[in-house]
Amino acid sequence: EGVGFCVLQGGQVASLCYSVFVNGLRHDADICTLDGHLRQGLARAVATAFIGGCLQRGLTPGWDCFGHNRASYDLARSLGFAPAHEFSVYTRE
């Protein structure tokens, strides 16, 4: 029931954005751009398609990222997302 988009280059996935978490009508995005395809605007392209796909289906796109992931934070802000709250995440190192 998720939403997802990708950019293909040379028949291979270069960047993708899809619903990583779904809670009711909210779909949180996950974005991945493969090495060799970075800094080409592909993340913006797939994120824009994801947001549009959500809105067309009556869904609410969401965005979470770690505070140290400046690229994700800046992209989210440029696409109209604003910080709502901070929360702790525990990870295994």
C-alpha atoms as a PDB file:
ATOM      1  CA  GLU A   1       0.000   0.000   0.000  1.00  0.00           C
ATOM      2  CA  GLY A   2       3.050   2.231  -0.193  1.00  0.00           C
ATOM      3  CA  VAL A   3       4.085   4.837  -2.709  1.00  0.00           C
ATOM      4  CA  GLY A   4       7.397   4.651  -4.539  1.00  0.00           C
ATOM      5  CA  PHE A   5       9.324   6.200  -7.394  1.00  0.00           C
ATOM      6  CA  CYS A   6      12.764   5.708  -8.883  1.00  0.00           C
ATOM      7  CA  VAL A   7      15.090   7.202 -11.465  1.00  0.00           C
ATOM      8  CA  LEU A   8      16.714   4.803 -13.895  1.00  0.00           C
ATOM      9  CA  GLN A   9      20.004   5.536 -15.601  1.00  0.00           C
ATOM     10  CA  GLY A  10      21.303   3.040 -18.106  1.00  0.00           C
ATOM     11  CA  GLY A  11      18.562   0.610 -17.091  1.00  0.00           C
ATOM     12  CA  GLN A  12      19.714   0.605 -13.455  1.00  0.00           C
ATOM     13  CA  VAL A  13      18.129   2.256 -10.410  1.00  0.00           C
ATOM     14  CA  ALA A  14      20.121   5.394  -9.605  1.00  0.00           C
ATOM     15  CA  SER A  15      17.824   6.880  -6.944  1.00  0.00           C
ATOM     16  CA  LEU A  16      14.585   5.869  -5.249  1.00  0.00           C
ATOM     17  CA  CYS A  17      12.062   7.227  -2.767  1.00  0.00           C
ATOM     18  CA  TYR A  18       9.354   5.086  -1.205  1.00  0.00           C
ATOM     19  CA  SER A  19       7.047   4.728   1.804  1.00  0.00           C
ATOM     20  CA  VAL A  20       9.263   3.321   4.527  1.00  0.00           C
ATOM     21  CA  PHE A  21       6.701   3.761   7.325  1.00  0.00           C
ATOM     22  CA  VAL A  22       2.934   3.919   6.943  1.00  0.00           C
ATOM     23  CA  ASN A  23       0.589   5.000   9.712  1.00  0.00           C
ATOM     24  CA  GLY A  24      -2.949   5.502   8.473  1.00  0.00           C
ATOM     25  CA  LEU A  25      -2.778   8.142   5.769  1.00  0.00           C
ATOM     26  CA  ARG A  26       0.763   9.246   6.665  1.00  0.00           C
ATOM     27  CA  HIS A  27       3.578   7.850   4.520  1.00  0.00           C
ATOM     28  CA  ASP A  28       7.121   8.625   5.640  1.00  0.00           C
ATOM     29  CA  ALA A  29       9.726   8.735   2.902  1.00  0.00           C
ATOM     30  CA  ASP A  30      13.009   6.913   2.589  1.00  0.00           C
ATOM     31  CA  ILE A  31      15.418   8.072  -0.097  1.00  0.00           C
ATOM     32  CA  CYS A  32      18.492   6.365  -1.453  1.00  0.00           C
ATOM     33  CA  THR A  33      20.775   7.578  -4.207  1.00  0.00           C
ATOM     34  CA  LEU A  34      23.533   5.212  -5.247  1.00  0.00           C
ATOM     35  CA  ASP A  35      27.178   6.194  -5.341  1.00  0.00           C
ATOM     36  CA  GLY A  36      28.110   7.496  -8.742  1.00  0.00           C
ATOM     37  CA  HIS A  37      24.766   9.288  -9.045  1.00  0.00           C
ATOM     38  CA  LEU A  38      25.072  11.765  -6.185  1.00  0.00           C
ATOM     39  CA  ARG A  39      24.789  15.549  -6.591  1.00  0.00           C
ATOM     40  CA  GLN A  40      22.746  15.294  -9.803  1.00  0.00           C
ATOM     41  CA  GLY A  41      19.385  16.351  -8.347  1.00  0.00           C
ATOM     42  CA  LEU A  42      18.016  12.814  -8.402  1.00  0.00           C
ATOM     43  CA  ALA A  43      16.997  12.780  -4.727  1.00  0.00           C
ATOM     44  CA  ARG A  44      14.987  15.964  -5.304  1.00  0.00           C
ATOM     45  CA  ALA A  45      13.350  14.413  -8.378  1.00  0.00           C
ATOM     46  CA  VAL A  46      12.249  11.211  -6.633  1.00  0.00           C
ATOM     47  CA  ALA A  47      11.196  13.074  -3.473  1.00  0.00           C
ATOM     48  CA  THR A  48       9.102  15.482  -5.540  1.00  0.00           C
ATOM     49  CA  ALA A  49       7.456  12.543  -7.330  1.00  0.00           C
ATOM     50  CA  PHE A  50       6.846  10.817  -3.971  1.00  0.00           C
ATOM     51  CA  ILE A  51       5.197  13.918  -2.493  1.00  0.00           C
ATOM     52  CA  GLY A  52       3.020  14.353  -5.582  1.00  0.00           C
ATOM     53  CA  GLY A  53       2.092  10.664  -5.576  1.00  0.00           C
ATOM     54  CA  CYS A  54       1.038  10.872  -1.938  1.00  0.00           C
ATOM     55  CA  LEU A  55      -1.033  13.998  -2.465  1.00  0.00           C
ATOM     56  CA  GLN A  56      -2.761  12.535  -5.542  1.00  0.00           C
ATOM     57  CA  ARG A  57      -3.835   9.558  -3.410  1.00  0.00           C
ATOM     58  CA  GLY A  58      -5.042  11.715  -0.495  1.00  0.00           C
ATOM     59  CA  LEU A  59      -2.060  10.701   1.652  1.00  0.00           C
ATOM     60  CA  THR A  60       0.148  12.858   3.846  1.00  0.00           C
ATOM     61  CA  PRO A  61       3.854  12.643   3.022  1.00  0.00           C
ATOM     62  CA  GLY A  62       6.168  12.670   6.031  1.00  0.00           C
ATOM     63  CA  TRP A  63       9.903  13.077   6.470  1.00  0.00           C
ATOM     64  CA  ASP A  64      12.193  12.065   9.322  1.00  0.00           C
ATOM     65  CA  CYS A  65      15.955  12.226   9.373  1.00  0.00           C
ATOM     66  CA  PHE A  66      18.850  12.150  11.785  1.00  0.00           C
ATOM     67  CA  GLY A  67      20.047  15.573  12.873  1.00  0.00           C
ATOM     68  CA  HIS A  68      23.527  14.955  11.499  1.00  0.00           C
ATOM     69  CA  ASN A  69      22.162  14.120   8.022  1.00  0.00           C
ATOM     70  CA  ARG A  70      22.405  17.676   6.741  1.00  0.00           C
ATOM     71  CA  ALA A  71      21.733  16.741   3.108  1.00  0.00           C
ATOM     72  CA  SER A  72      18.400  15.117   4.035  1.00  0.00           C
ATOM     73  CA  TYR A  73      17.478  17.963   6.382  1.00  0.00           C
ATOM     74  CA  ASP A  74      18.240  20.624   3.762  1.00  0.00           C
ATOM     75  CA  LEU A  75      16.360  18.745   1.034  1.00  0.00           C
ATOM     76  CA  ALA A  76      13.326  18.328   3.282  1.00  0.00           C
ATOM     77  CA  ARG A  77      13.315  22.040   4.116  1.00  0.00           C
ATOM     78  CA  SER A  78      13.612  22.993   0.437  1.00  0.00           C
ATOM     79  CA  LEU A  79      10.605  20.772  -0.351  1.00  0.00           C
ATOM     80  CA  GLY A  80       8.431  22.517   2.239  1.00  0.00           C
ATOM     81  CA  PHE A  81       8.867  20.299   5.299  1.00  0.00           C
ATOM     82  CA  ALA A  82       9.534  21.970   8.641  1.00  0.00           C
ATOM     83  CA  PRO A  83      10.899  20.492  11.867  1.00  0.00           C
ATOM     84  CA  ALA A  84       8.025  19.369  14.088  1.00  0.00           C
ATOM     85  CA  HIS A  85       9.848  17.756  16.990  1.00  0.00           C
ATOM     86  CA  GLU A  86      12.997  15.928  17.949  1.00  0.00           C
ATOM     87  CA  PHE A  87      13.139  12.459  19.459  1.00  0.00           C
ATOM     88  CA  SER A  88      15.812  10.044  20.582  1.00  0.00           C
ATOM     89  CA  VAL A  89      16.752   7.026  18.525  1.00  0.00           C
ATOM     90  CA  TYR A  90      18.790   4.157  19.855  1.00  0.00           C
ATOM     91  CA  THR A  91      21.080   2.349  17.475  1.00  0.00           C
ATOM     92  CA  ARG A  92      23.477  -0.526  17.809  1.00  0.00           C
ATOM     93  CA  GLU A  93      27.051   0.271  16.905  1.00  0.00           C
END
